[in-house]
């Protein structure tokens, strides 16, 4: 007699430990007011992306899905499907309460505003 037990459902973090993952291409730039992180995510739906702050890190994770209802015979295939994951150390100079993210046309943009204490200040001469 064979014993069958229910498999444990993995969290995103646990799944990433057991599966291969893709690192989306990232650009980070800075203005006087904020840092901006952009990630290329063509074909990724908003519901398939998670962003969280954890132990001083900004974590971007999710899944690139594939519509397998269409039978395809590839001639060339360069795109990848599966889990994606990137993690960035966040400085204390970032105002974490004001971090904002938006996903539009395959581009994720995360705005990381600087704290007022680190922004340049113009001093008026009297």
PDB file of N, CA and C in Angstrom:
ATOM      1  N   UNK A   1       0.846  -1.165   0.000  1.00  0.00           N
ATOM      2  CA  UNK A   1       0.000   0.000   0.000  1.00  0.00           C
ATOM      3  C   UNK A   1       0.902   1.241   0.000  1.00  0.00           C
ATOM      4  N   UNK A   2       0.578   2.210  -0.863  1.00  0.00           N
ATOM      5  CA  UNK A   2       1.351   3.434  -0.975  1.00  0.00           C
ATOM      6  C   UNK A   2       0.686   4.534  -0.169  1.00  0.00           C
ATOM      7  N   UNK A   3       1.512   5.232   0.587  1.00  0.00           N
ATOM      8  CA  UNK A   3       0.987   6.346   1.378  1.00  0.00           C
ATOM      9  C   UNK A   3       1.184   7.640   0.596  1.00  0.00           C
ATOM     10  N   UNK A   4       0.148   8.437   0.488  1.00  0.00           N
ATOM     11  CA  UNK A   4       0.203   9.710  -0.239  1.00  0.00           C
ATOM     12  C   UNK A   4      -0.086  10.822   0.753  1.00  0.00           C
ATOM     13  N   UNK A   5       0.798  11.823   0.768  1.00  0.00           N
ATOM     14  CA  UNK A   5       0.580  12.969   1.650  1.00  0.00           C
ATOM     15  C   UNK A   5       0.487  14.225   0.799  1.00  0.00           C
ATOM     16  N   UNK A   6      -0.198  15.199   1.313  1.00  0.00           N
ATOM     17  CA  UNK A   6      -0.348  16.463   0.595  1.00  0.00           C
ATOM     18  C   UNK A   6       0.974  17.209   0.593  1.00  0.00           C
ATOM     19  N   UNK A   7       1.362  17.670  -0.580  1.00  0.00           N
ATOM     20  CA  UNK A   7       2.610  18.439  -0.695  1.00  0.00           C
ATOM     21  C   UNK A   7       2.406  19.823  -0.091  1.00  0.00           C
ATOM     22  N   UNK A   8       3.441  20.344   0.523  1.00  0.00           N
ATOM     23  CA  UNK A   8       3.384  21.686   1.102  1.00  0.00           C
ATOM     24  C   UNK A   8       3.390  22.713  -0.022  1.00  0.00           C
ATOM     25  N   UNK A   9       2.486  23.646   0.042  1.00  0.00           N
ATOM     26  CA  UNK A   9       2.452  24.742  -0.936  1.00  0.00           C
ATOM     27  C   UNK A   9       3.539  25.744  -0.557  1.00  0.00           C
ATOM     28  N   UNK A  10       4.439  26.026  -1.480  1.00  0.00           N
ATOM     29  CA  UNK A  10       5.564  26.907  -1.212  1.00  0.00           C
ATOM     30  C   UNK A  10       5.165  28.374  -1.324  1.00  0.00           C
ATOM     31  N   UNK A  11       5.733  29.197  -0.472  1.00  0.00           N
ATOM     32  CA  UNK A  11       5.591  30.637  -0.616  1.00  0.00           C
ATOM     33  C   UNK A  11       6.492  31.079  -1.768  1.00  0.00           C
ATOM     34  N   UNK A  12       6.366  32.350  -2.192  1.00  0.00           N
ATOM     35  CA  UNK A  12       7.241  32.873  -3.250  1.00  0.00           C
ATOM     36  C   UNK A  12       8.697  32.691  -2.855  1.00  0.00           C
ATOM     37  N   UNK A  13       9.040  33.056  -1.621  1.00  0.00           N
ATOM     38  CA  UNK A  13      10.431  32.973  -1.171  1.00  0.00           C
ATOM     39  C   UNK A  13      10.943  31.539  -1.210  1.00  0.00           C
ATOM     40  N   UNK A  14      10.116  30.604  -0.761  1.00  0.00           N
ATOM     41  CA  UNK A  14      10.531  29.199  -0.781  1.00  0.00           C
ATOM     42  C   UNK A  14      10.660  28.676  -2.203  1.00  0.00           C
ATOM     43  N   UNK A  15       9.736  29.082  -3.067  1.00  0.00           N
ATOM     44  CA  UNK A  15       9.789  28.636  -4.464  1.00  0.00           C
ATOM     45  C   UNK A  15      11.061  29.133  -5.133  1.00  0.00           C
ATOM     46  N   UNK A  16      11.451  30.357  -4.823  1.00  0.00           N
ATOM     47  CA  UNK A  16      12.657  30.905  -5.431  1.00  0.00           C
ATOM     48  C   UNK A  16      13.909  30.161  -4.979  1.00  0.00           C
ATOM     49  N   UNK A  17      13.857  29.568  -3.795  1.00  0.00           N
ATOM     50  CA  UNK A  17      14.994  28.780  -3.328  1.00  0.00           C
ATOM     51  C   UNK A  17      15.116  27.468  -4.093  1.00  0.00           C
ATOM     52  N   UNK A  18      14.001  26.962  -4.616  1.00  0.00           N
ATOM     53  CA  UNK A  18      13.976  25.645  -5.250  1.00  0.00           C
ATOM     54  C   UNK A  18      13.920  25.695  -6.775  1.00  0.00           C
ATOM     55  N   UNK A  19      13.636  26.823  -7.341  1.00  0.00           N
ATOM     56  CA  UNK A  19      13.508  26.942  -8.787  1.00  0.00           C
ATOM     57  C   UNK A  19      14.545  27.923  -9.322  1.00  0.00           C
ATOM     58  N   UNK A  20      14.804  27.826 -10.607  1.00  0.00           N
ATOM     59  CA  UNK A  20      15.665  28.830 -11.226  1.00  0.00           C
ATOM     60  C   UNK A  20      14.865  30.113 -11.377  1.00  0.00           C
ATOM     61  N   UNK A  21      15.557  31.236 -11.499  1.00  0.00           N
ATOM     62  CA  UNK A  21      14.869  32.504 -11.624  1.00  0.00           C
ATOM     63  C   UNK A  21      15.576  33.378 -12.639  1.00  0.00           C
ATOM     64  N   UNK A  22      14.837  34.351 -13.115  1.00  0.00           N
ATOM     65  CA  UNK A  22      15.298  35.283 -14.129  1.00  0.00           C
ATOM     66  C   UNK A  22      15.510  36.633 -13.443  1.00  0.00           C
ATOM     67  N   UNK A  23      16.570  37.335 -13.807  1.00  0.00           N
ATOM     68  CA  UNK A  23      16.825  38.667 -13.263  1.00  0.00           C
ATOM     69  C   UNK A  23      16.458  39.690 -14.334  1.00  0.00           C
ATOM     70  N   UNK A  24      15.328  40.408 -14.164  1.00  0.00           N
ATOM     71  CA  UNK A  24      14.967  41.402 -15.171  1.00  0.00           C
ATOM     72  C   UNK A  24      16.014  42.510 -15.263  1.00  0.00           C
ATOM     73  N   UNK A  25      16.135  43.096 -16.442  1.00  0.00           N
ATOM     74  CA  UNK A  25      17.074  44.197 -16.641  1.00  0.00           C
ATOM     75  C   UNK A  25      16.600  45.419 -15.863  1.00  0.00           C
ATOM     76  N   UNK A  26      17.537  46.062 -15.172  1.00  0.00           N
ATOM     77  CA  UNK A  26      17.221  47.163 -14.260  1.00  0.00           C
ATOM     78  C   UNK A  26      18.058  48.390 -14.621  1.00  0.00           C
ATOM     79  N   UNK A  27      17.437  49.556 -14.544  1.00  0.00           N
ATOM     80  CA  UNK A  27      18.146  50.835 -14.590  1.00  0.00           C
ATOM     81  C   UNK A  27      17.813  51.571 -13.299  1.00  0.00           C
ATOM     82  N   UNK A  28      18.790  52.238 -12.716  1.00  0.00           N
ATOM     83  CA  UNK A  28      18.561  53.060 -11.529  1.00  0.00           C
ATOM     84  C   UNK A  28      19.172  54.426 -11.798  1.00  0.00           C
ATOM     85  N   UNK A  29      18.386  55.474 -11.589  1.00  0.00           N
ATOM     86  CA  UNK A  29      18.909  56.828 -11.751  1.00  0.00           C
ATOM     87  C   UNK A  29      18.432  57.695 -10.599  1.00  0.00           C
ATOM     88  N   UNK A  30      19.075  58.846 -10.468  1.00  0.00           N
ATOM     89  CA  UNK A  30      18.858  59.711  -9.316  1.00  0.00           C
ATOM     90  C   UNK A  30      18.586  61.139  -9.763  1.00  0.00           C
ATOM     91  N   UNK A  31      17.682  61.801  -9.041  1.00  0.00           N
ATOM     92  CA  UNK A  31      17.482  63.245  -9.153  1.00  0.00           C
ATOM     93  C   UNK A  31      17.732  63.832  -7.762  1.00  0.00           C
ATOM     94  N   UNK A  32      17.588  65.131  -7.613  1.00  0.00           N
ATOM     95  CA  UNK A  32      17.751  65.732  -6.287  1.00  0.00           C
ATOM     96  C   UNK A  32      16.689  65.236  -5.311  1.00  0.00           C
ATOM     97  N   UNK A  33      15.520  64.869  -5.830  1.00  0.00           N
ATOM     98  CA  UNK A  33      14.390  64.487  -4.993  1.00  0.00           C
ATOM     99  C   UNK A  33      14.298  62.990  -4.696  1.00  0.00           C
ATOM    100  N   UNK A  34      14.691  62.145  -5.655  1.00  0.00           N
ATOM    101  CA  UNK A  34      14.409  60.712  -5.538  1.00  0.00           C
ATOM    102  C   UNK A  34      15.411  59.869  -6.308  1.00  0.00           C
ATOM    103  N   UNK A  35      15.364  58.568  -6.012  1.00  0.00           N
ATOM    104  CA  UNK A  35      15.977  57.556  -6.855  1.00  0.00           C
ATOM    105  C   UNK A  35      14.847  56.892  -7.627  1.00  0.00           C
ATOM    106  N   UNK A  36      15.133  56.442  -8.835  1.00  0.00           N
ATOM    107  CA  UNK A  36      14.143  55.748  -9.652  1.00  0.00           C
ATOM    108  C   UNK A  36      14.740  54.438 -10.126  1.00  0.00           C
ATOM    109  N   UNK A  37      13.995  53.378  -9.950  1.00  0.00           N
ATOM    110  CA  UNK A  37      14.404  52.061 -10.407  1.00  0.00           C
ATOM    111  C   UNK A  37      13.409  51.629 -11.473  1.00  0.00           C
ATOM    112  N   UNK A  38      13.893  51.283 -12.654  1.00  0.00           N
ATOM    113  CA  UNK A  38      13.015  50.785 -13.707  1.00  0.00           C
ATOM    114  C   UNK A  38      13.448  49.373 -14.062  1.00  0.00           C
ATOM    115  N   UNK A  39      12.466  48.506 -14.254  1.00  0.00           N
ATOM    116  CA  UNK A  39      12.721  47.108 -14.601  1.00  0.00           C
ATOM    117  C   UNK A  39      11.923  46.757 -15.846  1.00  0.00           C
ATOM    118  N   UNK A  40      12.581  46.135 -16.809  1.00  0.00           N
ATOM    119  CA  UNK A  40      11.905  45.710 -18.033  1.00  0.00           C
ATOM    120  C   UNK A  40      11.158  44.407 -17.763  1.00  0.00           C
ATOM    121  N   UNK A  41       9.840  44.436 -17.965  1.00  0.00           N
ATOM    122  CA  UNK A  41       8.997  43.271 -17.693  1.00  0.00           C
ATOM    123  C   UNK A  41       7.937  43.107 -18.773  1.00  0.00           C
ATOM    124  N   UNK A  42       8.349  42.909 -20.026  1.00  0.00           N
ATOM    125  CA  UNK A  42       7.353  42.784 -21.094  1.00  0.00           C
ATOM    126  C   UNK A  42       6.448  41.581 -20.877  1.00  0.00           C
ATOM    127  N   UNK A  43       5.152  41.811 -21.039  1.00  0.00           N
ATOM    128  CA  UNK A  43       4.177  40.730 -20.930  1.00  0.00           C
ATOM    129  C   UNK A  43       3.806  40.340 -19.511  1.00  0.00           C
ATOM    130  N   UNK A  44       4.348  41.006 -18.507  1.00  0.00           N
ATOM    131  CA  UNK A  44       4.048  40.661 -17.118  1.00  0.00           C
ATOM    132  C   UNK A  44       2.848  41.484 -16.659  1.00  0.00           C
ATOM    133  N   UNK A  45       1.865  40.803 -16.085  1.00  0.00           N
ATOM    134  CA  UNK A  45       0.676  41.477 -15.560  1.00  0.00           C
ATOM    135  C   UNK A  45       0.957  42.019 -14.163  1.00  0.00           C
ATOM    136  N   UNK A  46       0.252  43.075 -13.818  1.00  0.00           N
ATOM    137  CA  UNK A  46       0.416  43.716 -12.504  1.00  0.00           C
ATOM    138  C   UNK A  46       0.230  42.711 -11.365  1.00  0.00           C
ATOM    139  N   UNK A  47      -0.713  41.794 -11.512  1.00  0.00           N
ATOM    140  CA  UNK A  47      -0.993  40.814 -10.462  1.00  0.00           C
ATOM    141  C   UNK A  47       0.112  39.768 -10.319  1.00  0.00           C
ATOM    142  N   UNK A  48       1.031  39.705 -11.274  1.00  0.00           N
ATOM    143  CA  UNK A  48       2.114  38.720 -11.239  1.00  0.00           C
ATOM    144  C   UNK A  48       3.415  39.303 -10.698  1.00  0.00           C
ATOM    145  N   UNK A  49       3.355  40.519 -10.137  1.00  0.00           N
ATOM    146  CA  UNK A  49       4.533  41.180  -9.571  1.00  0.00           C
ATOM    147  C   UNK A  49       4.274  41.476  -8.098  1.00  0.00           C
ATOM    148  N   UNK A  50       5.270  41.203  -7.271  1.00  0.00           N
ATOM    149  CA  UNK A  50       5.204  41.576  -5.857  1.00  0.00           C
ATOM    150  C   UNK A  50       6.428  42.423  -5.550  1.00  0.00           C
ATOM    151  N   UNK A  51       6.205  43.493  -4.794  1.00  0.00           N
ATOM    152  CA  UNK A  51       7.306  44.343  -4.324  1.00  0.00           C
ATOM    153  C   UNK A  51       7.139  44.465  -2.819  1.00  0.00           C
ATOM    154  N   UNK A  52       8.227  44.232  -2.099  1.00  0.00           N
ATOM    155  CA  UNK A  52       8.142  44.358  -0.649  1.00  0.00           C
ATOM    156  C   UNK A  52       9.451  44.897  -0.094  1.00  0.00           C
ATOM    157  N   UNK A  53       9.350  45.495   1.094  1.00  0.00           N
ATOM    158  CA  UNK A  53      10.513  45.917   1.870  1.00  0.00           C
ATOM    159  C   UNK A  53      10.715  44.882   2.952  1.00  0.00           C
ATOM    160  N   UNK A  54      11.938  44.373   3.039  1.00  0.00           N
ATOM    161  CA  UNK A  54      12.196  43.305   3.993  1.00  0.00           C
ATOM    162  C   UNK A  54      13.625  43.409   4.505  1.00  0.00           C
ATOM    163  N   UNK A  55      13.775  43.664   5.794  1.00  0.00           N
ATOM    164  CA  UNK A  55      15.093  43.728   6.431  1.00  0.00           C
ATOM    165  C   UNK A  55      16.052  44.672   5.715  1.00  0.00           C
ATOM    166  N   UNK A  56      15.556  45.843   5.317  1.00  0.00           N
ATOM    167  CA  UNK A  56      16.398  46.838   4.667  1.00  0.00           C
ATOM    168  C   UNK A  56      16.610  46.613   3.179  1.00  0.00           C
ATOM    169  N   UNK A  57      15.887  45.692   2.579  1.00  0.00           N
ATOM    170  CA  UNK A  57      16.006  45.406   1.147  1.00  0.00           C
ATOM    171  C   UNK A  57      14.676  45.645   0.442  1.00  0.00           C
ATOM    172  N   UNK A  58      14.760  46.176  -0.774  1.00  0.00           N
ATOM    173  CA  UNK A  58      13.616  46.250  -1.665  1.00  0.00           C
ATOM    174  C   UNK A  58      13.666  44.988  -2.514  1.00  0.00           C
ATOM    175  N   UNK A  59      12.607  44.192  -2.470  1.00  0.00           N
ATOM    176  CA  UNK A  59      12.563  42.922  -3.177  1.00  0.00           C
ATOM    177  C   UNK A  59      11.488  43.002  -4.258  1.00  0.00           C
ATOM    178  N   UNK A  60      11.874  42.667  -5.486  1.00  0.00           N
ATOM    179  CA  UNK A  60      10.943  42.602  -6.616  1.00  0.00           C
ATOM    180  C   UNK A  60      10.918  41.148  -7.067  1.00  0.00           C
ATOM    181  N   UNK A  61       9.725  40.562  -7.091  1.00  0.00           N
ATOM    182  CA  UNK A  61       9.613  39.165  -7.486  1.00  0.00           C
ATOM    183  C   UNK A  61       8.288  38.913  -8.188  1.00  0.00           C
ATOM    184  N   UNK A  62       8.234  37.825  -8.889  1.00  0.00           N
ATOM    185  CA  UNK A  62       7.005  37.462  -9.560  1.00  0.00           C
ATOM    186  C   UNK A  62       7.208  36.334 -10.541  1.00  0.00           C
ATOM    187  N   UNK A  63       6.305  36.262 -11.502  1.00  0.00           N
ATOM    188  CA  UNK A  63       6.340  35.171 -12.466  1.00  0.00           C
ATOM    189  C   UNK A  63       5.997  35.693 -13.860  1.00  0.00           C
ATOM    190  N   UNK A  64       6.807  35.280 -14.814  1.00  0.00           N
ATOM    191  CA  UNK A  64       6.507  35.534 -16.221  1.00  0.00           C
ATOM    192  C   UNK A  64       5.770  34.302 -16.721  1.00  0.00           C
ATOM    193  N   UNK A  65       4.519  34.486 -17.098  1.00  0.00           N
ATOM    194  CA  UNK A  65       3.688  33.357 -17.523  1.00  0.00           C
ATOM    195  C   UNK A  65       3.720  33.213 -19.037  1.00  0.00           C
ATOM    196  N   UNK A  66       3.359  32.038 -19.473  1.00  0.00           N
ATOM    197  CA  UNK A  66       3.341  31.715 -20.887  1.00  0.00           C
ATOM    198  C   UNK A  66       1.968  31.175 -21.237  1.00  0.00           C
ATOM    199  N   UNK A  67       1.391  31.691 -22.296  1.00  0.00           N
ATOM    200  CA  UNK A  67       0.100  31.190 -22.758  1.00  0.00           C
ATOM    201  C   UNK A  67       0.356  29.917 -23.557  1.00  0.00           C
ATOM    202  N   UNK A  68       0.165  28.767 -22.909  1.00  0.00           N
ATOM    203  CA  UNK A  68       0.453  27.508 -23.590  1.00  0.00           C
ATOM    204  C   UNK A  68      -0.771  26.917 -24.284  1.00  0.00           C
ATOM    205  N   UNK A  69      -1.856  27.701 -24.387  1.00  0.00           N
ATOM    206  CA  UNK A  69      -3.033  27.205 -25.092  1.00  0.00           C
ATOM    207  C   UNK A  69      -2.808  27.211 -26.603  1.00  0.00           C
ATOM    208  N   UNK A  70      -1.804  27.966 -27.048  1.00  0.00           N
ATOM    209  CA  UNK A  70      -1.463  28.010 -28.474  1.00  0.00           C
ATOM    210  C   UNK A  70      -0.271  27.087 -28.696  1.00  0.00           C
ATOM    211  N   UNK A  71      -0.435  26.120 -29.593  1.00  0.00           N
ATOM    212  CA  UNK A  71       0.671  25.209 -29.910  1.00  0.00           C
ATOM    213  C   UNK A  71       1.631  25.936 -30.845  1.00  0.00           C
ATOM    214  N   UNK A  72       2.886  26.006 -30.455  1.00  0.00           N
ATOM    215  CA  UNK A  72       3.875  26.769 -31.212  1.00  0.00           C
ATOM    216  C   UNK A  72       5.075  25.901 -31.543  1.00  0.00           C
ATOM    217  N   UNK A  73       5.611  26.141 -32.697  1.00  0.00           N
ATOM    218  CA  UNK A  73       6.873  25.512 -33.074  1.00  0.00           C
ATOM    219  C   UNK A  73       7.851  26.654 -33.311  1.00  0.00           C
ATOM    220  N   UNK A  74       8.734  26.871 -32.337  1.00  0.00           N
ATOM    221  CA  UNK A  74       9.634  28.015 -32.404  1.00  0.00           C
ATOM    222  C   UNK A  74      10.731  27.802 -33.435  1.00  0.00           C
ATOM    223  N   UNK A  75      11.028  28.864 -34.149  1.00  0.00           N
ATOM    224  CA  UNK A  75      12.183  28.918 -35.034  1.00  0.00           C
ATOM    225  C   UNK A  75      13.331  29.548 -34.253  1.00  0.00           C
ATOM    226  N   UNK A  76      13.028  30.629 -33.522  1.00  0.00           N
ATOM    227  CA  UNK A  76      13.968  31.286 -32.619  1.00  0.00           C
ATOM    228  C   UNK A  76      13.195  31.634 -31.353  1.00  0.00           C
ATOM    229  N   UNK A  77      13.753  31.354 -30.172  1.00  0.00           N
ATOM    230  CA  UNK A  77      13.102  31.724 -28.914  1.00  0.00           C
ATOM    231  C   UNK A  77      14.166  32.276 -27.972  1.00  0.00           C
ATOM    232  N   UNK A  78      14.094  33.580 -27.706  1.00  0.00           N
ATOM    233  CA  UNK A  78      15.049  34.235 -26.822  1.00  0.00           C
ATOM    234  C   UNK A  78      14.421  34.679 -25.509  1.00  0.00           C
ATOM    235  N   UNK A  79      13.099  34.710 -25.441  1.00  0.00           N
ATOM    236  CA  UNK A  79      12.435  35.145 -24.219  1.00  0.00           C
ATOM    237  C   UNK A  79      12.386  33.997 -23.223  1.00  0.00           C
ATOM    238  N   UNK A  80      12.371  34.388 -21.937  1.00  0.00           N
ATOM    239  CA  UNK A  80      12.341  33.395 -20.875  1.00  0.00           C
ATOM    240  C   UNK A  80      11.023  33.494 -20.125  1.00  0.00           C
ATOM    241  N   UNK A  81      10.611  32.365 -19.552  1.00  0.00           N
ATOM    242  CA  UNK A  81       9.448  32.350 -18.674  1.00  0.00           C
ATOM    243  C   UNK A  81       9.893  31.773 -17.342  1.00  0.00           C
ATOM    244  N   UNK A  82       9.133  32.049 -16.300  1.00  0.00           N
ATOM    245  CA  UNK A  82       9.452  31.519 -14.978  1.00  0.00           C
ATOM    246  C   UNK A  82       9.452  32.612 -13.931  1.00  0.00           C
ATOM    247  N   UNK A  83      10.072  32.319 -12.811  1.00  0.00           N
ATOM    248  CA  UNK A  83      10.145  33.280 -11.710  1.00  0.00           C
ATOM    249  C   UNK A  83      11.182  34.350 -12.007  1.00  0.00           C
ATOM    250  N   UNK A  84      10.919  35.565 -11.559  1.00  0.00           N
ATOM    251  CA  UNK A  84      11.952  36.596 -11.611  1.00  0.00           C
ATOM    252  C   UNK A  84      12.136  37.158 -10.212  1.00  0.00           C
ATOM    253  N   UNK A  85      13.347  37.647  -9.956  1.00  0.00           N
ATOM    254  CA  UNK A  85      13.687  38.085  -8.613  1.00  0.00           C
ATOM    255  C   UNK A  85      14.858  39.050  -8.683  1.00  0.00           C
ATOM    256  N   UNK A  86      14.723  40.184  -8.008  1.00  0.00           N
ATOM    257  CA  UNK A  86      15.840  41.125  -7.803  1.00  0.00           C
ATOM    258  C   UNK A  86      15.704  41.682  -6.403  1.00  0.00           C
ATOM    259  N   UNK A  87      16.840  41.967  -5.781  1.00  0.00           N
ATOM    260  CA  UNK A  87      16.844  42.485  -4.413  1.00  0.00           C
ATOM    261  C   UNK A  87      17.887  43.586  -4.325  1.00  0.00           C
ATOM    262  N   UNK A  88      17.504  44.710  -3.669  1.00  0.00           N
ATOM    263  CA  UNK A  88      18.369  45.884  -3.577  1.00  0.00           C
ATOM    264  C   UNK A  88      18.406  46.381  -2.142  1.00  0.00           C
ATOM    265  N   UNK A  89      19.599  46.653  -1.642  1.00  0.00           N
ATOM    266  CA  UNK A  89      19.760  47.231  -0.310  1.00  0.00           C
ATOM    267  C   UNK A  89      19.273  48.679  -0.348  1.00  0.00           C
ATOM    268  N   UNK A  90      18.439  49.054   0.609  1.00  0.00           N
ATOM    269  CA  UNK A  90      17.867  50.398   0.671  1.00  0.00           C
ATOM    270  C   UNK A  90      18.561  51.181   1.787  1.00  0.00           C
ATOM    271  N   UNK A  91      19.017  52.363   1.462  1.00  0.00           N
ATOM    272  CA  UNK A  91      19.689  53.237   2.417  1.00  0.00           C
ATOM    273  C   UNK A  91      18.684  53.848   3.390  1.00  0.00           C
ATOM    274  N   UNK A  92      19.179  54.255   4.555  1.00  0.00           N
ATOM    275  CA  UNK A  92      18.348  54.980   5.518  1.00  0.00           C
ATOM    276  C   UNK A  92      17.961  56.355   4.997  1.00  0.00           C
ATOM    277  N   UNK A  93      18.585  56.796   3.916  1.00  0.00           N
ATOM    278  CA  UNK A  93      18.266  58.099   3.327  1.00  0.00           C
ATOM    279  C   UNK A  93      17.008  58.061   2.466  1.00  0.00           C
ATOM    280  N   UNK A  94      16.413  56.884   2.300  1.00  0.00           N
ATOM    281  CA  UNK A  94      15.172  56.741   1.529  1.00  0.00           C
ATOM    282  C   UNK A  94      13.990  56.835   2.483  1.00  0.00           C
ATOM    283  N   UNK A  95      12.981  57.610   2.104  1.00  0.00           N
ATOM    284  CA  UNK A  95      11.746  57.730   2.888  1.00  0.00           C
ATOM    285  C   UNK A  95      10.837  56.560   2.503  1.00  0.00           C
ATOM    286  N   UNK A  96      10.948  55.447   3.242  1.00  0.00           N
ATOM    287  CA  UNK A  96      10.247  54.220   2.849  1.00  0.00           C
ATOM    288  C   UNK A  96       8.727  54.351   2.877  1.00  0.00           C
ATOM    289  N   UNK A  97       8.201  55.298   3.619  1.00  0.00           N
ATOM    290  CA  UNK A  97       6.752  55.493   3.662  1.00  0.00           C
ATOM    291  C   UNK A  97       6.209  56.116   2.381  1.00  0.00           C
ATOM    292  N   UNK A  98       7.091  56.648   1.545  1.00  0.00           N
ATOM    293  CA  UNK A  98       6.647  57.315   0.318  1.00  0.00           C
ATOM    294  C   UNK A  98       7.054  56.565  -0.950  1.00  0.00           C
ATOM    295  N   UNK A  99       7.564  55.347  -0.816  1.00  0.00           N
ATOM    296  CA  UNK A  99       7.932  54.564  -2.000  1.00  0.00           C
ATOM    297  C   UNK A  99       6.680  54.267  -2.804  1.00  0.00           C
ATOM    298  N   UNK A 100       6.792  54.397  -4.120  1.00  0.00           N
ATOM    299  CA  UNK A 100       5.658  54.223  -5.023  1.00  0.00           C
ATOM    300  C   UNK A 100       6.102  53.353  -6.202  1.00  0.00           C
ATOM    301  N   UNK A 101       5.186  52.552  -6.730  1.00  0.00           N
ATOM    302  CA  UNK A 101       5.511  51.706  -7.879  1.00  0.00           C
ATOM    303  C   UNK A 101       4.359  51.701  -8.867  1.00  0.00           C
ATOM    304  N   UNK A 102       4.730  51.596 -10.154  1.00  0.00           N
ATOM    305  CA  UNK A 102       3.708  51.501 -11.203  1.00  0.00           C
ATOM    306  C   UNK A 102       4.264  50.629 -12.320  1.00  0.00           C
ATOM    307  N   UNK A 103       3.374  49.846 -12.937  1.00  0.00           N
ATOM    308  CA  UNK A 103       3.729  48.985 -14.060  1.00  0.00           C
ATOM    309  C   UNK A 103       2.895  49.402 -15.255  1.00  0.00           C
ATOM    310  N   UNK A 104       3.577  49.813 -16.322  1.00  0.00           N
ATOM    311  CA  UNK A 104       2.873  50.288 -17.510  1.00  0.00           C
ATOM    312  C   UNK A 104       3.668  49.923 -18.756  1.00  0.00           C
ATOM    313  N   UNK A 105       2.997  49.317 -19.712  1.00  0.00           N
ATOM    314  CA  UNK A 105       3.607  48.941 -20.987  1.00  0.00           C
ATOM    315  C   UNK A 105       4.897  48.135 -20.813  1.00  0.00           C
ATOM    316  N   UNK A 106       4.883  47.194 -19.860  1.00  0.00           N
ATOM    317  CA  UNK A 106       6.031  46.317 -19.657  1.00  0.00           C
ATOM    318  C   UNK A 106       7.198  46.937 -18.922  1.00  0.00           C
ATOM    319  N   UNK A 107       7.000  48.112 -18.348  1.00  0.00           N
ATOM    320  CA  UNK A 107       8.072  48.773 -17.608  1.00  0.00           C
ATOM    321  C   UNK A 107       7.600  49.050 -16.182  1.00  0.00           C
ATOM    322  N   UNK A 108       8.281  48.450 -15.224  1.00  0.00           N
ATOM    323  CA  UNK A 108       8.000  48.703 -13.816  1.00  0.00           C
ATOM    324  C   UNK A 108       8.864  49.868 -13.379  1.00  0.00           C
ATOM    325  N   UNK A 109       8.246  50.883 -12.769  1.00  0.00           N
ATOM    326  CA  UNK A 109       9.007  52.012 -12.251  1.00  0.00           C
ATOM    327  C   UNK A 109       8.715  52.154 -10.771  1.00  0.00           C
ATOM    328  N   UNK A 110       9.786  52.101  -9.970  1.00  0.00           N
ATOM    329  CA  UNK A 110       9.682  52.265  -8.527  1.00  0.00           C
ATOM    330  C   UNK A 110      10.347  53.586  -8.171  1.00  0.00           C
ATOM    331  N   UNK A 111       9.603  54.458  -7.493  1.00  0.00           N
ATOM    332  CA  UNK A 111      10.122  55.750  -7.053  1.00  0.00           C
ATOM    333  C   UNK A 111      10.496  55.636  -5.579  1.00  0.00           C
ATOM    334  N   UNK A 112      11.729  55.993  -5.282  1.00  0.00           N
ATOM    335  CA  UNK A 112      12.260  55.916  -3.925  1.00  0.00           C
ATOM    336  C   UNK A 112      12.647  57.324  -3.483  1.00  0.00           C
ATOM    337  N   UNK A 113      11.710  58.067  -2.880  1.00  0.00           N
ATOM    338  CA  UNK A 113      11.983  59.454  -2.488  1.00  0.00           C
ATOM    339  C   UNK A 113      13.043  59.540  -1.398  1.00  0.00           C
ATOM    340  N   UNK A 114      13.856  60.583  -1.484  1.00  0.00           N
ATOM    341  CA  UNK A 114      14.869  60.826  -0.466  1.00  0.00           C
ATOM    342  C   UNK A 114      14.222  61.515   0.728  1.00  0.00           C
ATOM    343  N   UNK A 115      14.754  61.249   1.915  1.00  0.00           N
ATOM    344  CA  UNK A 115      14.324  61.978   3.111  1.00  0.00           C
ATOM    345  C   UNK A 115      14.686  63.447   2.941  1.00  0.00           C
ATOM    346  N   UNK A 116      13.897  64.307   3.543  1.00  0.00           N
ATOM    347  CA  UNK A 116      14.165  65.747   3.489  1.00  0.00           C
ATOM    348  C   UNK A 116      15.553  66.078   4.023  1.00  0.00           C
ATOM    349  N   UNK A 117      16.013  65.308   5.007  1.00  0.00           N
ATOM    350  CA  UNK A 117      17.306  65.599   5.647  1.00  0.00           C
ATOM    351  C   UNK A 117      18.495  65.431   4.703  1.00  0.00           C
ATOM    352  N   UNK A 118      18.334  64.727   3.583  1.00  0.00           N
ATOM    353  CA  UNK A 118      19.465  64.509   2.675  1.00  0.00           C
ATOM    354  C   UNK A 118      19.320  65.272   1.353  1.00  0.00           C
ATOM    355  N   UNK A 119      18.189  65.934   1.178  1.00  0.00           N
ATOM    356  CA  UNK A 119      17.999  66.705  -0.053  1.00  0.00           C
ATOM    357  C   UNK A 119      18.805  68.003   0.026  1.00  0.00           C
ATOM    358  N   UNK A 120      19.335  68.451  -1.105  1.00  0.00           N
ATOM    359  CA  UNK A 120      20.060  69.726  -1.094  1.00  0.00           C
ATOM    360  C   UNK A 120      19.132  70.865  -0.676  1.00  0.00           C
ATOM    361  N   UNK A 121      19.662  71.792   0.088  1.00  0.00           N
ATOM    362  CA  UNK A 121      18.867  72.942   0.539  1.00  0.00           C
ATOM    363  C   UNK A 121      19.578  74.217   0.120  1.00  0.00           C
ATOM    364  N   UNK A 122      18.795  75.100  -0.416  1.00  0.00           N
ATOM    365  CA  UNK A 122      19.308  76.406  -0.783  1.00  0.00           C
ATOM    366  C   UNK A 122      19.221  77.311   0.446  1.00  0.00           C
ATOM    367  N   UNK A 123      20.315  77.960   0.770  1.00  0.00           N
ATOM    368  CA  UNK A 123      20.341  78.840   1.936  1.00  0.00           C
ATOM    369  C   UNK A 123      20.300  80.280   1.443  1.00  0.00           C
ATOM    370  N   UNK A 124      19.288  80.969   1.898  1.00  0.00           N
ATOM    371  CA  UNK A 124      19.109  82.360   1.490  1.00  0.00           C
ATOM    372  C   UNK A 124      20.076  83.261   2.256  1.00  0.00           C
ATOM    373  N   UNK A 125      20.694  84.160   1.548  1.00  0.00           N
ATOM    374  CA  UNK A 125      21.615  85.130   2.168  1.00  0.00           C
ATOM    375  C   UNK A 125      20.778  86.338   2.555  1.00  0.00           C
ATOM    376  N   UNK A 126      20.927  86.795   3.784  1.00  0.00           N
ATOM    377  CA  UNK A 126      20.144  87.948   4.286  1.00  0.00           C
ATOM    378  C   UNK A 126      21.000  89.171   4.378  1.00  0.00           C
TER     379      UNK A 126
END
